[in-house]
Amino acid sequence: MNHLWLTDEQFARIAPLLPYDTQGKERVDDRRVISGLLIRTLLLRLRRRVQGIG
């Protein structure tokens, strides 16, 4: 199952903005991290909207 929320085209547009010369811990998949951030942001927005109605 594909849990990535970004298409290849969308990720290609933001990939040049990501840092690639970092030191320290081994990097994880940027696409998974960004997808997780998108999901979290959408869920927080949904929660706020529901709380405003209730």
C-alpha atoms as a PDB file:
ATOM      1  CA  MET A   1       0.000   0.000   0.000  1.00  0.00           C
ATOM      2  CA  ASN A   2       1.309   3.431  -0.907  1.00  0.00           C
ATOM      3  CA  HIS A   3       1.169   5.865   2.011  1.00  0.00           C
ATOM      4  CA  LEU A   4       2.946   8.692   0.223  1.00  0.00           C
ATOM      5  CA  TRP A   5       0.805  11.733  -0.389  1.00  0.00           C
ATOM      6  CA  LEU A   6       3.107  13.361  -2.920  1.00  0.00           C
ATOM      7  CA  THR A   7       3.221  12.426  -6.565  1.00  0.00           C
ATOM      8  CA  ASP A   8       6.557  12.152  -8.331  1.00  0.00           C
ATOM      9  CA  GLU A   9       5.927  15.516  -9.972  1.00  0.00           C
ATOM     10  CA  GLN A  10       5.097  17.245  -6.680  1.00  0.00           C
ATOM     11  CA  PHE A  11       8.130  15.834  -4.920  1.00  0.00           C
ATOM     12  CA  ALA A  12      10.382  16.795  -7.840  1.00  0.00           C
ATOM     13  CA  ARG A  13       9.291  20.409  -7.361  1.00  0.00           C
ATOM     14  CA  ILE A  14      10.239  20.548  -3.671  1.00  0.00           C
ATOM     15  CA  ALA A  15      13.271  18.208  -3.712  1.00  0.00           C
ATOM     16  CA  PRO A  16      15.741  20.992  -4.639  1.00  0.00           C
ATOM     17  CA  LEU A  17      14.683  22.866  -1.485  1.00  0.00           C
ATOM     18  CA  LEU A  18      15.641  20.028   0.863  1.00  0.00           C
ATOM     19  CA  PRO A  19      19.074  19.901   2.529  1.00  0.00           C
ATOM     20  CA  TYR A  20      21.339  17.113   1.307  1.00  0.00           C
ATOM     21  CA  ASP A  21      24.663  17.973   2.928  1.00  0.00           C
ATOM     22  CA  THR A  22      23.687  17.281   6.532  1.00  0.00           C
ATOM     23  CA  GLN A  23      25.861  15.578   9.112  1.00  0.00           C
ATOM     24  CA  GLY A  24      24.928  13.385  12.039  1.00  0.00           C
ATOM     25  CA  LYS A  25      22.182  10.792  11.995  1.00  0.00           C
ATOM     26  CA  GLU A  26      21.451   8.870   8.826  1.00  0.00           C
ATOM     27  CA  ARG A  27      18.695  10.532   6.829  1.00  0.00           C
ATOM     28  CA  VAL A  28      15.291   8.961   6.459  1.00  0.00           C
ATOM     29  CA  ASP A  29      13.165   9.093   3.327  1.00  0.00           C
ATOM     30  CA  ASP A  30      12.286  12.773   2.811  1.00  0.00           C
ATOM     31  CA  ARG A  31       9.145  11.886   0.926  1.00  0.00           C
ATOM     32  CA  ARG A  32       7.804   9.846   3.870  1.00  0.00           C
ATOM     33  CA  VAL A  33       8.599  12.643   6.330  1.00  0.00           C
ATOM     34  CA  ILE A  34       6.862  15.290   4.225  1.00  0.00           C
ATOM     35  CA  SER A  35       3.849  13.009   3.712  1.00  0.00           C
ATOM     36  CA  GLY A  36       3.652  12.553   7.490  1.00  0.00           C
ATOM     37  CA  LEU A  37       3.764  16.302   8.025  1.00  0.00           C
ATOM     38  CA  LEU A  38       0.966  16.799   5.512  1.00  0.00           C
ATOM     39  CA  ILE A  39      -1.194  14.170   7.211  1.00  0.00           C
ATOM     40  CA  ARG A  40      -0.557  15.693  10.640  1.00  0.00           C
ATOM     41  CA  THR A  41      -1.377  19.197   9.410  1.00  0.00           C
ATOM     42  CA  LEU A  42      -4.596  18.051   7.759  1.00  0.00           C
ATOM     43  CA  LEU A  43      -5.686  16.136  10.863  1.00  0.00           C
ATOM     44  CA  LEU A  44      -5.029  19.146  13.106  1.00  0.00           C
ATOM     45  CA  ARG A  45      -7.062  21.365  10.792  1.00  0.00           C
ATOM     46  CA  LEU A  46      -9.884  18.826  10.812  1.00  0.00           C
ATOM     47  CA  ARG A  47      -9.814  18.608  14.612  1.00  0.00           C
ATOM     48  CA  ARG A  48     -10.015  22.388  14.957  1.00  0.00           C
ATOM     49  CA  ARG A  49     -12.898  22.529  12.514  1.00  0.00           C
ATOM     50  CA  VAL A  50     -14.818  19.813  14.391  1.00  0.00           C
ATOM     51  CA  GLN A  51     -14.178  21.486  17.758  1.00  0.00           C
ATOM     52  CA  GLY A  52     -15.513  24.745  16.369  1.00  0.00           C
ATOM     53  CA  ILE A  53     -18.757  23.071  15.290  1.00  0.00           C
ATOM     54  CA  GLY A  54     -19.248  21.007  18.481  1.00  0.00           C
END
